[in-house]
C-alpha atoms as a PDB file:
ATOM      1  CA  MET A   1      35.357  18.742   2.986  1.00  0.00           C
ATOM      2  CA  SER A   2      38.545  19.484   1.078  1.00  0.00           C
ATOM      3  CA  VAL A   3      41.122  16.762   0.512  1.00  0.00           C
ATOM      4  CA  TYR A   4      43.527  18.623   2.821  1.00  0.00           C
ATOM      5  CA  ASP A   5      40.929  18.804   5.606  1.00  0.00           C
ATOM      6  CA  LYS A   6      40.396  15.052   5.239  1.00  0.00           C
ATOM      7  CA  LEU A   7      44.153  14.400   5.375  1.00  0.00           C
ATOM      8  CA  SER A   8      44.418  16.563   8.476  1.00  0.00           C
ATOM      9  CA  SER A   9      41.545  14.707  10.167  1.00  0.00           C
ATOM     10  CA  LEU A  10      43.408  11.446   9.467  1.00  0.00           C
ATOM     11  CA  GLY A  11      46.610  12.874  10.957  1.00  0.00           C
ATOM     12  CA  ILE A  12      48.418  12.690   7.621  1.00  0.00           C
ATOM     13  CA  THR A  13      51.109  15.182   6.618  1.00  0.00           C
ATOM     14  CA  LEU A  14      52.190  14.960   2.995  1.00  0.00           C
ATOM     15  CA  PRO A  15      55.865  14.175   2.498  1.00  0.00           C
ATOM     16  CA  PRO A  16      58.039  15.931  -0.087  1.00  0.00           C
ATOM     17  CA  VAL A  17      58.719  14.198  -3.389  1.00  0.00           C
ATOM     18  CA  SER A  18      61.441  11.576  -3.050  1.00  0.00           C
ATOM     19  CA  THR A  19      64.498  11.784  -5.249  1.00  0.00           C
ATOM     20  CA  PRO A  20      64.348   9.003  -7.867  1.00  0.00           C
ATOM     21  CA  ALA A  21      66.759   6.140  -7.199  1.00  0.00           C
ATOM     22  CA  ALA A  22      67.376   5.460 -10.902  1.00  0.00           C
ATOM     23  CA  ALA A  23      66.906   6.946 -14.395  1.00  0.00           C
ATOM     24  CA  TYR A  24      63.269   8.088 -14.220  1.00  0.00           C
ATOM     25  CA  VAL A  25      61.136  11.029 -13.093  1.00  0.00           C
ATOM     26  CA  PRO A  26      58.704  10.954 -10.156  1.00  0.00           C
ATOM     27  CA  PHE A  27      55.687  11.715 -12.348  1.00  0.00           C
ATOM     28  CA  VAL A  28      54.604  12.544 -15.877  1.00  0.00           C
ATOM     29  CA  ARG A  29      51.552  14.585 -16.731  1.00  0.00           C
ATOM     30  CA  THR A  30      49.992  14.170 -20.158  1.00  0.00           C
ATOM     31  CA  GLY A  31      46.655  15.808 -20.885  1.00  0.00           C
ATOM     32  CA  GLN A  32      44.381  15.196 -17.911  1.00  0.00           C
ATOM     33  CA  LEU A  33      46.323  12.178 -16.646  1.00  0.00           C
ATOM     34  CA  VAL A  34      49.176  12.036 -14.151  1.00  0.00           C
ATOM     35  CA  PHE A  35      51.300   8.895 -14.040  1.00  0.00           C
ATOM     36  CA  VAL A  36      53.115   8.597 -10.717  1.00  0.00           C
ATOM     37  CA  SER A  37      56.175   6.341 -10.735  1.00  0.00           C
ATOM     38  CA  GLY A  38      56.316   3.370  -8.420  1.00  0.00           C
ATOM     39  CA  HIS A  39      57.007   4.162  -4.777  1.00  0.00           C
ATOM     40  CA  ILE A  40      58.480   1.544  -2.472  1.00  0.00           C
ATOM     41  CA  ALA A  41      57.384   1.021   1.106  1.00  0.00           C
ATOM     42  CA  ARG A  42      59.419   3.008   3.630  1.00  0.00           C
ATOM     43  CA  LYS A  43      59.491   2.813   7.401  1.00  0.00           C
ATOM     44  CA  ASP A  44      61.359   5.412   9.447  1.00  0.00           C
ATOM     45  CA  GLY A  45      62.784   6.844   6.209  1.00  0.00           C
ATOM     46  CA  LYS A  46      64.377   3.561   5.099  1.00  0.00           C
ATOM     47  CA  PRO A  47      63.116   0.844   2.753  1.00  0.00           C
ATOM     48  CA  TRP A  48      60.590  -1.380   4.525  1.00  0.00           C
ATOM     49  CA  VAL A  49      62.249  -4.678   3.651  1.00  0.00           C
ATOM     50  CA  GLY A  50      61.051  -8.244   3.729  1.00  0.00           C
ATOM     51  CA  GLN A  51      58.905 -10.793   1.966  1.00  0.00           C
ATOM     52  CA  LEU A  52      55.216 -11.329   2.566  1.00  0.00           C
ATOM     53  CA  GLY A  53      54.580 -14.861   3.725  1.00  0.00           C
ATOM     54  CA  ALA A  54      58.054 -15.086   5.285  1.00  0.00           C
ATOM     55  CA  ALA A  55      59.252 -12.218   7.509  1.00  0.00           C
ATOM     56  CA  ILE A  56      56.152 -10.041   6.996  1.00  0.00           C
ATOM     57  CA  ALA A  57      52.504 -10.892   7.700  1.00  0.00           C
ATOM     58  CA  THR A  58      49.558  -9.668   5.649  1.00  0.00           C
ATOM     59  CA  ASP A  59      48.519  -6.982   8.176  1.00  0.00           C
ATOM     60  CA  GLU A  60      52.007  -5.452   8.211  1.00  0.00           C
ATOM     61  CA  GLY A  61      52.070  -5.528   4.405  1.00  0.00           C
ATOM     62  CA  LYS A  62      48.754  -3.699   4.402  1.00  0.00           C
ATOM     63  CA  GLN A  63      50.291  -1.019   6.661  1.00  0.00           C
ATOM     64  CA  ALA A  64      53.226  -0.746   4.247  1.00  0.00           C
ATOM     65  CA  ALA A  65      50.818  -0.252   1.320  1.00  0.00           C
ATOM     66  CA  ARG A  66      48.996   2.493   3.254  1.00  0.00           C
ATOM     67  CA  ALA A  67      52.343   4.205   3.922  1.00  0.00           C
ATOM     68  CA  ILE A  68      53.092   4.088   0.200  1.00  0.00           C
ATOM     69  CA  ALA A  69      49.706   5.687  -0.529  1.00  0.00           C
ATOM     70  CA  VAL A  70      50.682   8.636   1.679  1.00  0.00           C
ATOM     71  CA  ASP A  71      53.950   9.003  -0.267  1.00  0.00           C
ATOM     72  CA  LEU A  72      52.059   8.753  -3.573  1.00  0.00           C
ATOM     73  CA  LEU A  73      49.744  11.547  -2.390  1.00  0.00           C
ATOM     74  CA  GLY A  74      52.780  13.734  -1.680  1.00  0.00           C
ATOM     75  CA  THR A  75      54.078  13.175  -5.205  1.00  0.00           C
ATOM     76  CA  LEU A  76      50.627  13.683  -6.734  1.00  0.00           C
ATOM     77  CA  HIS A  77      50.345  16.975  -4.827  1.00  0.00           C
ATOM     78  CA  ALA A  78      53.705  18.070  -6.269  1.00  0.00           C
ATOM     79  CA  ALA A  79      52.511  17.101  -9.759  1.00  0.00           C
ATOM     80  CA  VAL A  80      49.212  19.023  -9.687  1.00  0.00           C
ATOM     81  CA  GLY A  81      49.679  21.654  -6.971  1.00  0.00           C
ATOM     82  CA  ASP A  82      46.257  20.997  -5.423  1.00  0.00           C
ATOM     83  CA  LEU A  83      44.837  17.565  -4.615  1.00  0.00           C
ATOM     84  CA  ASN A  84      41.335  19.025  -4.825  1.00  0.00           C
ATOM     85  CA  LYS A  85      41.898  19.020  -8.618  1.00  0.00           C
ATOM     86  CA  VAL A  86      41.961  15.220  -8.648  1.00  0.00           C
ATOM     87  CA  LYS A  87      38.921  14.106 -10.606  1.00  0.00           C
ATOM     88  CA  ARG A  88      39.563  10.414  -9.990  1.00  0.00           C
ATOM     89  CA  ILE A  89      42.176   7.906  -8.956  1.00  0.00           C
ATOM     90  CA  VAL A  90      42.154   5.819 -12.121  1.00  0.00           C
ATOM     91  CA  LYS A  91      44.473   2.879 -11.449  1.00  0.00           C
ATOM     92  CA  LEU A  92      46.940   1.394  -8.999  1.00  0.00           C
ATOM     93  CA  MET A  93      49.495  -1.265  -9.810  1.00  0.00           C
ATOM     94  CA  SER A  94      50.881  -3.031  -6.767  1.00  0.00           C
ATOM     95  CA  LEU A  95      53.909  -5.311  -6.614  1.00  0.00           C
ATOM     96  CA  VAL A  96      54.158  -7.400  -3.465  1.00  0.00           C
ATOM     97  CA  ASN A  97      57.487  -9.019  -2.611  1.00  0.00           C
ATOM     98  CA  SER A  98      56.212 -12.452  -1.596  1.00  0.00           C
ATOM     99  CA  VAL A  99      57.058 -16.110  -1.316  1.00  0.00           C
ATOM    100  CA  PRO A 100      55.529 -18.343  -4.020  1.00  0.00           C
ATOM    101  CA  THR A 101      52.848 -19.694  -1.674  1.00  0.00           C
ATOM    102  CA  PHE A 102      51.602 -16.247  -0.537  1.00  0.00           C
ATOM    103  CA  THR A 103      48.226 -15.452  -2.136  1.00  0.00           C
ATOM    104  CA  GLU A 104      47.010 -12.320  -0.324  1.00  0.00           C
ATOM    105  CA  GLN A 105      48.573  -9.638  -2.541  1.00  0.00           C
ATOM    106  CA  HIS A 106      45.083  -8.191  -3.049  1.00  0.00           C
ATOM    107  CA  VAL A 107      44.589  -7.841   0.721  1.00  0.00           C
ATOM    108  CA  VAL A 108      47.983  -6.130   1.136  1.00  0.00           C
ATOM    109  CA  THR A 109      47.108  -3.679  -1.647  1.00  0.00           C
ATOM    110  CA  ASN A 110      43.851  -2.809   0.127  1.00  0.00           C
ATOM    111  CA  GLY A 111      45.991  -0.734   2.501  1.00  0.00           C
ATOM    112  CA  ALA A 112      46.507   1.782  -0.309  1.00  0.00           C
ATOM    113  CA  SER A 113      43.097   1.401  -1.952  1.00  0.00           C
ATOM    114  CA  GLU A 114      41.228   2.015   1.288  1.00  0.00           C
ATOM    115  CA  LEU A 115      43.219   5.185   2.011  1.00  0.00           C
ATOM    116  CA  PHE A 116      42.442   6.645  -1.428  1.00  0.00           C
ATOM    117  CA  ALA A 117      38.732   5.948  -0.845  1.00  0.00           C
ATOM    118  CA  GLU A 118      38.957   7.652   2.583  1.00  0.00           C
ATOM    119  CA  VAL A 119      40.746  10.711   1.227  1.00  0.00           C
ATOM    120  CA  PHE A 120      38.882  11.248  -2.053  1.00  0.00           C
ATOM    121  CA  GLY A 121      35.551   9.609  -1.272  1.00  0.00           C
ATOM    122  CA  PRO A 122      34.003   6.472  -2.735  1.00  0.00           C
ATOM    123  CA  GLU A 123      33.548   7.810  -6.269  1.00  0.00           C
ATOM    124  CA  LYS A 124      36.806   9.694  -6.851  1.00  0.00           C
ATOM    125  CA  GLY A 125      38.865   7.250  -4.810  1.00  0.00           C
ATOM    126  CA  ALA A 126      37.560   4.026  -6.386  1.00  0.00           C
ATOM    127  CA  HIS A 127      39.962   2.738  -9.017  1.00  0.00           C
ATOM    128  CA  ALA A 128      40.949  -0.138 -11.258  1.00  0.00           C
ATOM    129  CA  ARG A 129      43.798  -2.141  -9.816  1.00  0.00           C
ATOM    130  CA  SER A 130      46.327  -4.918 -10.290  1.00  0.00           C
ATOM    131  CA  ALA A 131      48.171  -6.685  -7.483  1.00  0.00           C
ATOM    132  CA  PHE A 132      51.052  -9.011  -8.311  1.00  0.00           C
ATOM    133  CA  GLY A 133      53.311 -11.242  -6.272  1.00  0.00           C
ATOM    134  CA  VAL A 134      56.937 -10.803  -7.325  1.00  0.00           C
ATOM    135  CA  ALA A 135      60.218 -12.441  -6.327  1.00  0.00           C
ATOM    136  CA  GLN A 136      61.939  -9.182  -5.381  1.00  0.00           C
ATOM    137  CA  ILE A 137      61.536  -5.399  -5.382  1.00  0.00           C
ATOM    138  CA  PRO A 138      64.324  -2.764  -5.501  1.00  0.00           C
ATOM    139  CA  MET A 139      66.225  -2.424  -2.220  1.00  0.00           C
ATOM    140  CA  GLY A 140      64.402  -5.466  -0.847  1.00  0.00           C
ATOM    141  CA  ALA A 141      61.221  -3.459  -0.179  1.00  0.00           C
ATOM    142  CA  CYS A 142      58.101  -5.439   0.697  1.00  0.00           C
ATOM    143  CA  VAL A 143      55.689  -3.498  -1.560  1.00  0.00           C
ATOM    144  CA  GLU A 144      55.862  -1.060  -4.501  1.00  0.00           C
ATOM    145  CA  ILE A 145      52.851   0.799  -5.906  1.00  0.00           C
ATOM    146  CA  GLU A 146      52.369   3.118  -8.875  1.00  0.00           C
ATOM    147  CA  LEU A 147      49.359   5.306  -9.599  1.00  0.00           C
ATOM    148  CA  ILE A 148      47.452   6.934 -12.442  1.00  0.00           C
ATOM    149  CA  ALA A 149      45.135   9.859 -11.644  1.00  0.00           C
ATOM    150  CA  GLU A 150      42.810  12.033 -13.721  1.00  0.00           C
ATOM    151  CA  ILE A 151      42.960  15.779 -13.061  1.00  0.00           C
ATOM    152  CA  GLU A 152      40.298  18.426 -13.736  1.00  0.00           C
END
């Protein structure tokens, strides 16, 4: 099954690339690697704001991370032209806007990791990963994730 067939079966439509909010580009391709800049969580087209462990529970944070993964896929598609060329999702770095006592950043980030495994399969979608708790994210967003992918 192609990546696009899988996305369709999941009811996912890829969004267009977002305009960067600062002095950076949405992605950089070097050799066989594509580095996708951090994407913040969005809900209804606006930043999905709040802190995990305060206004936002772990399950909602996980949904936010999944939403980011969809946006990352849209940018990755723009970078390579065909998601079927993705050889592997190499690494995710996840920043979770959280109170000091919140310790489930890894569970929140699973929202993105699990989607990549669904879309690309267990071998291509499995990746190295970091998940950090941070005091704040641009625009007050609850989660930000960046991605590195290897392309055929």
